[in-house]
Amino acid sequence: MTEPDPTAIPFFDDHPRFAETSKTGPSLHRLNARYTGLIHHHRHLIEGATVLDLASHDGRFSFGALAAGAARVIGVEVDGDLVEKADANPSPEP
């Protein structure tokens, strides 16, 4: 088992549904580490921007970008089941 990254921001600890709606079965510590690298470290670029999330899966990183202050996020996913899961997830509070 991989140890949790001590520098990871625990964003997905507050949004565990993304571990449940995933088809890849990631653990929360892996989602948190990815959030830290993809969103948290780049929030200065994301804030106020339009973000394109290709292969957006269940919308987890679209959700993260919105929570980090993106003005708009466009998620692109071809798997209909994952699109339904993304649509069912509420948007983050502004």
C-alpha atoms as a PDB file:
ATOM      1  CA  MET A   1       0.000   0.000   0.000  1.00  0.00           C
ATOM      2  CA  THR A   2       1.244   3.452  -0.894  1.00  0.00           C
ATOM      3  CA  GLU A   3       1.556   5.935   1.938  1.00  0.00           C
ATOM      4  CA  PRO A   4      -0.483   9.147   1.638  1.00  0.00           C
ATOM      5  CA  ASP A   5       1.411  12.163   0.303  1.00  0.00           C
ATOM      6  CA  PRO A   6       1.932  14.471   3.313  1.00  0.00           C
ATOM      7  CA  THR A   7       1.837  17.532   1.018  1.00  0.00           C
ATOM      8  CA  ALA A   8      -1.522  16.607  -0.525  1.00  0.00           C
ATOM      9  CA  ILE A   9      -4.436  18.942   0.088  1.00  0.00           C
ATOM     10  CA  PRO A  10      -7.301  16.803   1.506  1.00  0.00           C
ATOM     11  CA  PHE A  11      -9.889  18.279  -0.904  1.00  0.00           C
ATOM     12  CA  PHE A  12     -11.587  14.975  -1.702  1.00  0.00           C
ATOM     13  CA  ASP A  13     -11.884  14.051   1.986  1.00  0.00           C
ATOM     14  CA  ASP A  14     -14.778  16.526   1.938  1.00  0.00           C
ATOM     15  CA  HIS A  15     -16.130  15.061  -1.334  1.00  0.00           C
ATOM     16  CA  PRO A  16     -15.819  11.259  -0.957  1.00  0.00           C
ATOM     17  CA  ARG A  17     -18.598  10.569  -3.479  1.00  0.00           C
ATOM     18  CA  PHE A  18     -15.966  10.828  -6.232  1.00  0.00           C
ATOM     19  CA  ALA A  19     -14.289   7.685  -4.891  1.00  0.00           C
ATOM     20  CA  GLU A  20     -17.687   5.983  -5.127  1.00  0.00           C
ATOM     21  CA  THR A  21     -18.571   7.124  -8.670  1.00  0.00           C
ATOM     22  CA  SER A  22     -15.196   6.256 -10.183  1.00  0.00           C
ATOM     23  CA  LYS A  23     -14.656   3.427 -12.644  1.00  0.00           C
ATOM     24  CA  THR A  24     -10.948   3.321 -11.758  1.00  0.00           C
ATOM     25  CA  GLY A  25     -11.445   2.840  -8.009  1.00  0.00           C
ATOM     26  CA  PRO A  26      -8.948   5.392  -6.689  1.00  0.00           C
ATOM     27  CA  SER A  27      -8.472   5.901  -2.996  1.00  0.00           C
ATOM     28  CA  LEU A  28      -9.064   9.303  -1.468  1.00  0.00           C
ATOM     29  CA  HIS A  29      -5.351   9.824  -0.788  1.00  0.00           C
ATOM     30  CA  ARG A  30      -4.595   9.307  -4.502  1.00  0.00           C
ATOM     31  CA  LEU A  31      -7.386  11.695  -5.496  1.00  0.00           C
ATOM     32  CA  ASN A  32      -6.072  14.235  -3.000  1.00  0.00           C
ATOM     33  CA  ALA A  33      -2.518  13.920  -4.350  1.00  0.00           C
ATOM     34  CA  ARG A  34      -3.785  14.427  -7.908  1.00  0.00           C
ATOM     35  CA  TYR A  35      -5.883  17.404  -6.799  1.00  0.00           C
ATOM     36  CA  THR A  36      -2.790  18.941  -5.202  1.00  0.00           C
ATOM     37  CA  GLY A  37      -0.713  18.545  -8.366  1.00  0.00           C
ATOM     38  CA  LEU A  38      -3.378  19.384 -10.939  1.00  0.00           C
ATOM     39  CA  ILE A  39      -5.518  21.997  -9.222  1.00  0.00           C
ATOM     40  CA  HIS A  40      -4.029  23.361  -5.997  1.00  0.00           C
ATOM     41  CA  HIS A  41      -0.555  24.118  -7.368  1.00  0.00           C
ATOM     42  CA  HIS A  42      -2.109  25.818 -10.416  1.00  0.00           C
ATOM     43  CA  ARG A  43      -4.971  27.687  -8.782  1.00  0.00           C
ATOM     44  CA  HIS A  44      -3.342  31.022  -9.717  1.00  0.00           C
ATOM     45  CA  LEU A  45      -3.899  30.014 -13.370  1.00  0.00           C
ATOM     46  CA  ILE A  46      -7.339  28.522 -12.781  1.00  0.00           C
ATOM     47  CA  GLU A  47      -8.958  31.369 -10.855  1.00  0.00           C
ATOM     48  CA  GLY A  48     -11.275  33.286 -13.183  1.00  0.00           C
ATOM     49  CA  ALA A  49     -10.334  31.133 -16.190  1.00  0.00           C
ATOM     50  CA  THR A  50     -12.293  28.888 -18.495  1.00  0.00           C
ATOM     51  CA  VAL A  51     -10.971  25.338 -18.053  1.00  0.00           C
ATOM     52  CA  LEU A  52     -11.275  22.472 -20.536  1.00  0.00           C
ATOM     53  CA  ASP A  53     -11.307  19.093 -18.785  1.00  0.00           C
ATOM     54  CA  LEU A  54     -10.704  16.404 -21.410  1.00  0.00           C
ATOM     55  CA  ALA A  55     -11.609  12.832 -20.436  1.00  0.00           C
ATOM     56  CA  SER A  56     -13.383  14.331 -17.437  1.00  0.00           C
ATOM     57  CA  HIS A  57     -14.502  10.956 -16.017  1.00  0.00           C
ATOM     58  CA  ASP A  58     -17.115  11.646 -13.304  1.00  0.00           C
ATOM     59  CA  GLY A  59     -16.356  15.369 -13.178  1.00  0.00           C
ATOM     60  CA  ARG A  60     -14.037  15.248 -10.182  1.00  0.00           C
ATOM     61  CA  PHE A  61     -11.418  17.654 -11.516  1.00  0.00           C
ATOM     62  CA  SER A  62     -14.016  19.866 -13.206  1.00  0.00           C
ATOM     63  CA  PHE A  63     -15.566  20.136  -9.736  1.00  0.00           C
ATOM     64  CA  GLY A  64     -12.129  20.842  -8.236  1.00  0.00           C
ATOM     65  CA  ALA A  65     -11.403  23.569 -10.797  1.00  0.00           C
ATOM     66  CA  LEU A  66     -14.744  25.251 -10.063  1.00  0.00           C
ATOM     67  CA  ALA A  67     -14.036  25.064  -6.330  1.00  0.00           C
ATOM     68  CA  ALA A  68     -10.623  26.664  -7.009  1.00  0.00           C
ATOM     69  CA  GLY A  69     -12.303  29.626  -8.660  1.00  0.00           C
ATOM     70  CA  ALA A  70     -12.593  28.756 -12.347  1.00  0.00           C
ATOM     71  CA  ALA A  71     -15.195  30.951 -14.004  1.00  0.00           C
ATOM     72  CA  ARG A  72     -16.328  28.104 -16.239  1.00  0.00           C
ATOM     73  CA  VAL A  73     -15.382  24.471 -16.815  1.00  0.00           C
ATOM     74  CA  ILE A  74     -16.178  22.422 -19.890  1.00  0.00           C
ATOM     75  CA  GLY A  75     -15.906  18.694 -19.255  1.00  0.00           C
ATOM     76  CA  VAL A  76     -15.622  16.291 -22.185  1.00  0.00           C
ATOM     77  CA  GLU A  77     -16.303  12.586 -21.574  1.00  0.00           C
ATOM     78  CA  VAL A  78     -17.419   9.897 -24.033  1.00  0.00           C
ATOM     79  CA  ASP A  79     -18.602   7.294 -21.488  1.00  0.00           C
ATOM     80  CA  GLY A  80     -22.319   7.947 -21.008  1.00  0.00           C
ATOM     81  CA  ASP A  81     -22.389   6.315 -17.564  1.00  0.00           C
ATOM     82  CA  LEU A  82     -19.659   8.670 -16.344  1.00  0.00           C
ATOM     83  CA  VAL A  83     -21.428  11.681 -17.874  1.00  0.00           C
ATOM     84  CA  GLU A  84     -24.560  10.735 -15.912  1.00  0.00           C
ATOM     85  CA  LYS A  85     -22.484  10.468 -12.727  1.00  0.00           C
ATOM     86  CA  ALA A  86     -20.887  13.857 -13.389  1.00  0.00           C
ATOM     87  CA  ASP A  87     -24.301  15.410 -14.034  1.00  0.00           C
ATOM     88  CA  ALA A  88     -25.620  13.957 -10.760  1.00  0.00           C
ATOM     89  CA  ASN A  89     -22.836  15.554  -8.711  1.00  0.00           C
ATOM     90  CA  PRO A  90     -23.749  18.988  -7.395  1.00  0.00           C
ATOM     91  CA  SER A  91     -21.654  22.011  -8.314  1.00  0.00           C
ATOM     92  CA  PRO A  92     -19.387  23.378  -5.577  1.00  0.00           C
ATOM     93  CA  GLU A  93     -20.592  26.368  -3.609  1.00  0.00           C
ATOM     94  CA  PRO A  94     -19.120  29.659  -4.880  1.00  0.00           C
END
